[in-house]
Amino acid sequence: MPPVTRWYIRTSLVFLVLSLALGALLAARTPLNLPAATGVLTPIYFHLLFVGFVAQLIFGVVFWLFPKHTKENPRGSERLAWIAYWLLNAGLVLRLIAEPANDVSRRPFWGWLLVVSAAAQLAAGILFAANTWPRVKER
């Protein structure tokens, strides 16, 4: 298993645990009498689960198991895979910070940080797709 795949999969498992813990906290809001403001964490829960866990797990498994690109370069560019990894995770971490801050304060800085986080995740998706595209072929 390539190192980048191990990083994608291990990081996805960390985000799975974090998302489930946050989901449990959100489910317990009413019985624990937590402030209604904790509801701003709901988008964070979904981003942790779907971007942090699901997308990242898919990226890692696809890089590892899709058909070979060429004998010399079986998985495409490992460098692009690492760049996509860092962009995806940087975008997710920025999102985890900016989303609740933007909901609470509504300062333009937080809105722009959300844009930057989305742009980083979009760039990660484009790089991942570009790197994977040549490996999707007919037999």
N, C-alpha and C. Protein backbone atom coordinates (compact mmCIF):
# COMPACT_ATOMS: atom_id res chain seq x y z
N MET A 1 0.86 -1.17 0.00
CA MET A 1 0.00 0.00 0.00
C MET A 1 0.91 1.24 0.00
N PRO A 2 0.68 2.17 -0.95
CA PRO A 2 1.51 3.37 -1.00
C PRO A 2 1.33 4.24 0.25
N PRO A 3 2.37 4.96 0.64
CA PRO A 3 2.27 5.82 1.84
C PRO A 3 1.12 6.82 1.77
N VAL A 4 0.89 7.43 0.61
CA VAL A 4 -0.19 8.42 0.52
C VAL A 4 -1.55 7.77 0.79
N THR A 5 -1.71 6.52 0.36
CA THR A 5 -2.95 5.80 0.63
C THR A 5 -3.12 5.57 2.13
N ARG A 6 -2.04 5.18 2.80
CA ARG A 6 -2.12 4.98 4.25
C ARG A 6 -2.51 6.28 4.96
N TRP A 7 -1.95 7.39 4.52
CA TRP A 7 -2.29 8.68 5.13
C TRP A 7 -3.75 9.04 4.88
N TYR A 8 -4.22 8.84 3.64
CA TYR A 8 -5.64 9.11 3.35
C TYR A 8 -6.54 8.27 4.25
N ILE A 9 -6.26 6.98 4.33
CA ILE A 9 -7.15 6.08 5.07
C ILE A 9 -7.08 6.35 6.58
N ARG A 10 -5.90 6.52 7.11
CA ARG A 10 -5.79 6.79 8.55
C ARG A 10 -6.43 8.12 8.92
N THR A 11 -6.21 9.13 8.08
CA THR A 11 -6.82 10.43 8.35
C THR A 11 -8.34 10.32 8.26
N SER A 12 -8.84 9.54 7.30
CA SER A 12 -10.29 9.37 7.19
C SER A 12 -10.86 8.71 8.43
N LEU A 13 -10.14 7.78 9.02
CA LEU A 13 -10.62 7.12 10.23
C LEU A 13 -10.64 8.07 11.42
N VAL A 14 -9.67 8.95 11.50
CA VAL A 14 -9.68 9.98 12.55
C VAL A 14 -10.92 10.86 12.39
N PHE A 15 -11.19 11.28 11.15
CA PHE A 15 -12.37 12.13 10.92
C PHE A 15 -13.67 11.37 11.14
N LEU A 16 -13.68 10.06 10.91
CA LEU A 16 -14.87 9.27 11.22
C LEU A 16 -15.17 9.33 12.71
N VAL A 17 -14.16 9.09 13.53
CA VAL A 17 -14.36 9.12 14.98
C VAL A 17 -14.78 10.52 15.43
N LEU A 18 -14.13 11.56 14.92
CA LEU A 18 -14.50 12.93 15.29
C LEU A 18 -15.93 13.25 14.88
N SER A 19 -16.32 12.83 13.67
CA SER A 19 -17.69 13.14 13.22
C SER A 19 -18.72 12.39 14.05
N LEU A 20 -18.44 11.15 14.39
CA LEU A 20 -19.40 10.40 15.22
C LEU A 20 -19.50 10.98 16.62
N ALA A 21 -18.37 11.42 17.17
CA ALA A 21 -18.40 12.06 18.49
C ALA A 21 -19.21 13.36 18.44
N LEU A 22 -18.99 14.15 17.39
CA LEU A 22 -19.76 15.39 17.26
C LEU A 22 -21.23 15.09 17.02
N GLY A 23 -21.52 14.05 16.24
CA GLY A 23 -22.91 13.65 16.03
C GLY A 23 -23.58 13.24 17.33
N ALA A 24 -22.85 12.54 18.19
CA ALA A 24 -23.40 12.15 19.49
C ALA A 24 -23.67 13.39 20.34
N LEU A 25 -22.75 14.34 20.32
CA LEU A 25 -22.95 15.58 21.07
C LEU A 25 -24.17 16.33 20.56
N LEU A 26 -24.30 16.43 19.25
CA LEU A 26 -25.46 17.13 18.68
C LEU A 26 -26.77 16.41 19.03
N ALA A 27 -26.74 15.08 19.04
CA ALA A 27 -27.95 14.32 19.41
C ALA A 27 -28.31 14.52 20.87
N ALA A 28 -27.31 14.77 21.70
CA ALA A 28 -27.54 14.92 23.14
C ALA A 28 -27.81 16.36 23.56
N ARG A 29 -27.90 17.27 22.59
CA ARG A 29 -28.11 18.69 22.93
C ARG A 29 -29.31 18.91 23.83
N THR A 30 -30.44 18.38 23.45
CA THR A 30 -31.66 18.61 24.23
C THR A 30 -31.61 17.94 25.60
N PRO A 31 -31.31 16.62 25.67
CA PRO A 31 -31.27 16.01 27.00
C PRO A 31 -30.22 16.62 27.93
N LEU A 32 -29.11 17.09 27.38
CA LEU A 32 -28.07 17.70 28.21
C LEU A 32 -28.31 19.19 28.45
N ASN A 33 -29.38 19.70 27.81
CA ASN A 33 -29.73 21.10 27.95
C ASN A 33 -28.58 22.03 27.51
N LEU A 34 -27.96 21.67 26.38
CA LEU A 34 -26.88 22.49 25.83
C LEU A 34 -27.48 23.69 25.11
N PRO A 35 -26.74 24.76 25.00
CA PRO A 35 -27.27 25.95 24.33
C PRO A 35 -27.67 25.65 22.88
N ALA A 36 -28.69 26.33 22.42
CA ALA A 36 -29.15 26.17 21.04
C ALA A 36 -28.05 26.53 20.05
N ALA A 37 -27.11 27.37 20.46
CA ALA A 37 -26.03 27.79 19.58
C ALA A 37 -25.16 26.63 19.12
N THR A 38 -25.21 25.50 19.83
CA THR A 38 -24.43 24.34 19.39
C THR A 38 -24.93 23.81 18.05
N GLY A 39 -26.10 24.25 17.64
CA GLY A 39 -26.63 23.86 16.33
C GLY A 39 -25.77 24.33 15.17
N VAL A 40 -24.95 25.36 15.40
CA VAL A 40 -24.06 25.83 14.32
C VAL A 40 -23.01 24.78 13.99
N LEU A 41 -22.89 23.75 14.81
CA LEU A 41 -21.91 22.69 14.56
C LEU A 41 -22.44 21.62 13.60
N THR A 42 -23.72 21.67 13.25
CA THR A 42 -24.29 20.66 12.36
C THR A 42 -23.58 20.61 11.00
N PRO A 43 -23.30 21.75 10.33
CA PRO A 43 -22.56 21.65 9.07
C PRO A 43 -21.16 21.05 9.24
N ILE A 44 -20.56 21.29 10.40
CA ILE A 44 -19.24 20.72 10.69
C ILE A 44 -19.34 19.20 10.76
N TYR A 45 -20.38 18.72 11.40
CA TYR A 45 -20.60 17.27 11.48
C TYR A 45 -20.64 16.66 10.08
N PHE A 46 -21.43 17.27 9.20
CA PHE A 46 -21.56 16.72 7.85
C PHE A 46 -20.26 16.81 7.05
N HIS A 47 -19.51 17.90 7.21
CA HIS A 47 -18.23 18.01 6.51
C HIS A 47 -17.22 17.00 7.04
N LEU A 48 -17.17 16.83 8.35
CA LEU A 48 -16.27 15.82 8.91
C LEU A 48 -16.61 14.43 8.38
N LEU A 49 -17.89 14.12 8.33
CA LEU A 49 -18.32 12.80 7.90
C LEU A 49 -18.10 12.58 6.40
N PHE A 50 -18.58 13.53 5.59
CA PHE A 50 -18.58 13.28 4.15
C PHE A 50 -17.29 13.67 3.44
N VAL A 51 -16.66 14.75 3.84
CA VAL A 51 -15.39 15.13 3.23
C VAL A 51 -14.24 14.44 3.97
N GLY A 52 -14.26 14.57 5.31
CA GLY A 52 -13.17 14.02 6.10
C GLY A 52 -13.10 12.50 6.06
N PHE A 53 -14.24 11.84 6.16
CA PHE A 53 -14.22 10.38 6.16
C PHE A 53 -14.48 9.80 4.77
N VAL A 54 -15.67 10.03 4.22
CA VAL A 54 -16.07 9.34 2.99
C VAL A 54 -15.18 9.72 1.81
N ALA A 55 -15.07 11.01 1.50
CA ALA A 55 -14.27 11.40 0.34
C ALA A 55 -12.82 10.99 0.50
N GLN A 56 -12.28 11.19 1.69
CA GLN A 56 -10.87 10.87 1.91
C GLN A 56 -10.60 9.36 1.80
N LEU A 57 -11.51 8.55 2.32
CA LEU A 57 -11.38 7.11 2.20
C LEU A 57 -11.43 6.70 0.72
N ILE A 58 -12.34 7.29 -0.02
CA ILE A 58 -12.45 7.00 -1.45
C ILE A 58 -11.17 7.40 -2.17
N PHE A 59 -10.65 8.59 -1.90
CA PHE A 59 -9.41 9.05 -2.55
C PHE A 59 -8.29 8.04 -2.30
N GLY A 60 -8.13 7.60 -1.05
CA GLY A 60 -7.05 6.67 -0.72
C GLY A 60 -7.19 5.33 -1.40
N VAL A 61 -8.39 4.77 -1.37
CA VAL A 61 -8.62 3.45 -1.97
C VAL A 61 -8.49 3.52 -3.49
N VAL A 62 -9.00 4.58 -4.09
CA VAL A 62 -8.90 4.73 -5.55
C VAL A 62 -7.44 4.83 -5.97
N PHE A 63 -6.65 5.63 -5.26
CA PHE A 63 -5.24 5.77 -5.61
C PHE A 63 -4.53 4.42 -5.54
N TRP A 64 -4.91 3.62 -4.58
CA TRP A 64 -4.27 2.33 -4.36
C TRP A 64 -4.75 1.26 -5.35
N LEU A 65 -6.06 1.15 -5.59
CA LEU A 65 -6.62 -0.03 -6.25
C LEU A 65 -7.07 0.14 -7.70
N PHE A 66 -7.20 1.35 -8.19
CA PHE A 66 -7.65 1.48 -9.57
C PHE A 66 -6.64 0.86 -10.52
N PRO A 67 -7.07 0.53 -11.74
CA PRO A 67 -6.14 -0.10 -12.69
C PRO A 67 -4.90 0.76 -12.92
N LYS A 68 -3.82 0.09 -13.30
CA LYS A 68 -2.55 0.78 -13.50
C LYS A 68 -2.62 1.73 -14.68
N HIS A 69 -1.94 2.86 -14.50
CA HIS A 69 -1.85 3.86 -15.57
C HIS A 69 -0.84 3.37 -16.62
N THR A 70 0.39 3.16 -16.22
CA THR A 70 1.44 2.58 -17.06
C THR A 70 2.32 1.72 -16.16
N LYS A 71 3.14 0.88 -16.77
CA LYS A 71 4.05 0.07 -15.96
C LYS A 71 5.08 0.93 -15.24
N GLU A 72 5.52 1.99 -15.89
CA GLU A 72 6.52 2.88 -15.30
C GLU A 72 5.91 3.75 -14.19
N ASN A 73 4.67 4.12 -14.37
CA ASN A 73 4.00 5.02 -13.44
C ASN A 73 2.60 4.47 -13.15
N PRO A 74 2.53 3.39 -12.35
CA PRO A 74 1.27 2.66 -12.22
C PRO A 74 0.10 3.43 -11.62
N ARG A 75 0.37 4.39 -10.74
CA ARG A 75 -0.72 5.09 -10.04
C ARG A 75 -0.85 6.54 -10.45
N GLY A 76 -0.17 6.94 -11.50
CA GLY A 76 -0.18 8.36 -11.84
C GLY A 76 0.83 9.08 -10.96
N SER A 77 0.61 10.33 -10.75
CA SER A 77 1.55 11.15 -10.01
C SER A 77 1.31 11.06 -8.51
N GLU A 78 2.28 10.52 -7.79
CA GLU A 78 2.16 10.48 -6.33
C GLU A 78 2.24 11.91 -5.77
N ARG A 79 2.98 12.75 -6.46
CA ARG A 79 3.08 14.16 -6.03
C ARG A 79 1.71 14.83 -6.06
N LEU A 80 0.95 14.62 -7.15
CA LEU A 80 -0.41 15.19 -7.22
C LEU A 80 -1.30 14.61 -6.14
N ALA A 81 -1.14 13.34 -5.84
CA ALA A 81 -1.95 12.71 -4.79
C ALA A 81 -1.65 13.36 -3.44
N TRP A 82 -0.38 13.66 -3.16
CA TRP A 82 -0.03 14.33 -1.90
C TRP A 82 -0.55 15.76 -1.87
N ILE A 83 -0.44 16.46 -2.98
CA ILE A 83 -0.95 17.84 -3.02
C ILE A 83 -2.46 17.84 -2.77
N ALA A 84 -3.17 16.90 -3.41
CA ALA A 84 -4.62 16.79 -3.20
C ALA A 84 -4.92 16.47 -1.73
N TYR A 85 -4.12 15.60 -1.12
CA TYR A 85 -4.30 15.24 0.29
C TYR A 85 -4.21 16.48 1.17
N TRP A 86 -3.14 17.25 0.99
CA TRP A 86 -2.93 18.44 1.83
C TRP A 86 -3.97 19.52 1.57
N LEU A 87 -4.35 19.71 0.32
CA LEU A 87 -5.39 20.71 0.01
C LEU A 87 -6.74 20.30 0.61
N LEU A 88 -7.09 19.03 0.48
CA LEU A 88 -8.36 18.55 1.01
C LEU A 88 -8.42 18.75 2.53
N ASN A 89 -7.34 18.38 3.21
CA ASN A 89 -7.33 18.49 4.67
C ASN A 89 -7.19 19.92 5.15
N ALA A 90 -6.39 20.73 4.46
CA ALA A 90 -6.29 22.14 4.83
C ALA A 90 -7.65 22.81 4.65
N GLY A 91 -8.33 22.52 3.54
CA GLY A 91 -9.66 23.08 3.31
C GLY A 91 -10.65 22.63 4.38
N LEU A 92 -10.56 21.38 4.78
CA LEU A 92 -11.48 20.88 5.80
C LEU A 92 -11.21 21.53 7.16
N VAL A 93 -9.95 21.65 7.54
CA VAL A 93 -9.63 22.28 8.82
C VAL A 93 -10.06 23.75 8.82
N LEU A 94 -9.80 24.46 7.71
CA LEU A 94 -10.26 25.85 7.62
C LEU A 94 -11.78 25.92 7.75
N ARG A 95 -12.46 24.96 7.14
CA ARG A 95 -13.92 24.93 7.21
C ARG A 95 -14.39 24.72 8.65
N LEU A 96 -13.69 23.83 9.37
CA LEU A 96 -14.06 23.54 10.76
C LEU A 96 -13.94 24.77 11.64
N ILE A 97 -13.01 25.65 11.29
CA ILE A 97 -12.81 26.89 12.06
C ILE A 97 -13.78 27.97 11.58
N ALA A 98 -13.86 28.17 10.27
CA ALA A 98 -14.58 29.31 9.71
C ALA A 98 -16.10 29.16 9.75
N GLU A 99 -16.60 27.94 9.60
CA GLU A 99 -18.06 27.75 9.54
C GLU A 99 -18.76 28.22 10.81
N PRO A 100 -18.38 27.73 11.98
CA PRO A 100 -19.07 28.22 13.18
C PRO A 100 -18.75 29.69 13.48
N ALA A 101 -17.51 30.11 13.20
CA ALA A 101 -17.15 31.52 13.44
C ALA A 101 -17.98 32.44 12.56
N ASN A 102 -18.21 32.05 11.32
CA ASN A 102 -19.02 32.86 10.41
C ASN A 102 -20.47 32.91 10.87
N ASP A 103 -20.99 31.79 11.36
CA ASP A 103 -22.38 31.76 11.84
C ASP A 103 -22.57 32.65 13.07
N VAL A 104 -21.55 32.72 13.90
CA VAL A 104 -21.65 33.48 15.14
C VAL A 104 -21.36 34.97 14.93
N SER A 105 -20.31 35.30 14.19
CA SER A 105 -19.89 36.71 14.13
C SER A 105 -20.29 37.44 12.85
N ARG A 106 -20.42 36.73 11.74
CA ARG A 106 -20.79 37.34 10.45
C ARG A 106 -19.80 38.43 10.01
N ARG A 107 -18.56 38.32 10.39
CA ARG A 107 -17.53 39.24 9.89
C ARG A 107 -17.08 38.77 8.53
N PRO A 108 -16.76 39.69 7.62
CA PRO A 108 -16.34 39.29 6.27
C PRO A 108 -15.14 38.33 6.25
N PHE A 109 -14.23 38.47 7.21
CA PHE A 109 -13.06 37.61 7.25
C PHE A 109 -13.46 36.13 7.25
N TRP A 110 -14.45 35.77 8.08
CA TRP A 110 -14.85 34.37 8.19
C TRP A 110 -15.51 33.89 6.92
N GLY A 111 -16.29 34.76 6.29
CA GLY A 111 -16.89 34.39 5.01
C GLY A 111 -15.84 34.12 3.95
N TRP A 112 -14.80 34.97 3.92
CA TRP A 112 -13.72 34.76 2.95
C TRP A 112 -12.91 33.52 3.29
N LEU A 113 -12.75 33.22 4.56
CA LEU A 113 -12.05 32.00 4.94
C LEU A 113 -12.83 30.76 4.48
N LEU A 114 -14.16 30.85 4.52
CA LEU A 114 -14.98 29.76 3.98
C LEU A 114 -14.75 29.60 2.47
N VAL A 115 -14.64 30.72 1.77
CA VAL A 115 -14.37 30.67 0.33
C VAL A 115 -13.01 30.00 0.07
N VAL A 116 -12.01 30.37 0.85
CA VAL A 116 -10.67 29.78 0.70
C VAL A 116 -10.74 28.28 0.98
N SER A 117 -11.47 27.89 2.02
CA SER A 117 -11.57 26.47 2.35
C SER A 117 -12.25 25.69 1.23
N ALA A 118 -13.30 26.26 0.68
CA ALA A 118 -14.00 25.60 -0.43
C ALA A 118 -13.11 25.52 -1.67
N ALA A 119 -12.35 26.58 -1.93
CA ALA A 119 -11.43 26.58 -3.08
C ALA A 119 -10.35 25.52 -2.91
N ALA A 120 -9.84 25.35 -1.69
CA ALA A 120 -8.82 24.32 -1.45
C ALA A 120 -9.40 22.93 -1.69
N GLN A 121 -10.62 22.71 -1.23
CA GLN A 121 -11.24 21.40 -1.43
C GLN A 121 -11.58 21.17 -2.90
N LEU A 122 -12.02 22.20 -3.59
CA LEU A 122 -12.28 22.08 -5.02
C LEU A 122 -10.99 21.75 -5.78
N ALA A 123 -9.91 22.44 -5.44
CA ALA A 123 -8.62 22.17 -6.09
C ALA A 123 -8.19 20.73 -5.82
N ALA A 124 -8.39 20.25 -4.60
CA ALA A 124 -8.05 18.86 -4.28
C ALA A 124 -8.85 17.89 -5.15
N GLY A 125 -10.14 18.16 -5.30
CA GLY A 125 -10.98 17.31 -6.13
C GLY A 125 -10.56 17.31 -7.59
N ILE A 126 -10.22 18.48 -8.10
CA ILE A 126 -9.78 18.58 -9.50
C ILE A 126 -8.46 17.83 -9.70
N LEU A 127 -7.50 18.02 -8.79
CA LEU A 127 -6.23 17.32 -8.90
C LEU A 127 -6.41 15.81 -8.80
N PHE A 128 -7.25 15.39 -7.86
CA PHE A 128 -7.52 13.96 -7.72
C PHE A 128 -8.14 13.40 -9.00
N ALA A 129 -9.14 14.08 -9.53
CA ALA A 129 -9.79 13.62 -10.75
C ALA A 129 -8.83 13.59 -11.93
N ALA A 130 -8.01 14.63 -12.07
CA ALA A 130 -7.04 14.68 -13.17
C ALA A 130 -6.03 13.55 -13.06
N ASN A 131 -5.62 13.24 -11.85
CA ASN A 131 -4.64 12.17 -11.63
C ASN A 131 -5.25 10.79 -11.86
N THR A 132 -6.54 10.65 -11.58
CA THR A 132 -7.22 9.36 -11.68
C THR A 132 -7.78 9.10 -13.08
N TRP A 133 -8.14 10.15 -13.78
CA TRP A 133 -8.82 10.03 -15.08
C TRP A 133 -8.16 9.03 -16.04
N PRO A 134 -6.84 9.09 -16.24
CA PRO A 134 -6.22 8.15 -17.18
C PRO A 134 -6.31 6.69 -16.75
N ARG A 135 -6.60 6.43 -15.51
CA ARG A 135 -6.68 5.07 -15.01
C ARG A 135 -8.06 4.46 -15.20
N VAL A 136 -9.03 5.25 -15.64
CA VAL A 136 -10.38 4.76 -15.89
C VAL A 136 -10.47 4.47 -17.38
N LYS A 137 -10.33 3.17 -17.71
CA LYS A 137 -10.31 2.79 -19.11
C LYS A 137 -11.05 1.48 -19.31
N GLU A 138 -11.43 1.26 -20.56
CA GLU A 138 -12.11 0.00 -20.90
C GLU A 138 -11.07 -1.12 -20.99
N ARG A 139 -11.52 -2.31 -20.84
CA ARG A 139 -10.60 -3.47 -20.98
C ARG A 139 -10.30 -3.75 -22.42
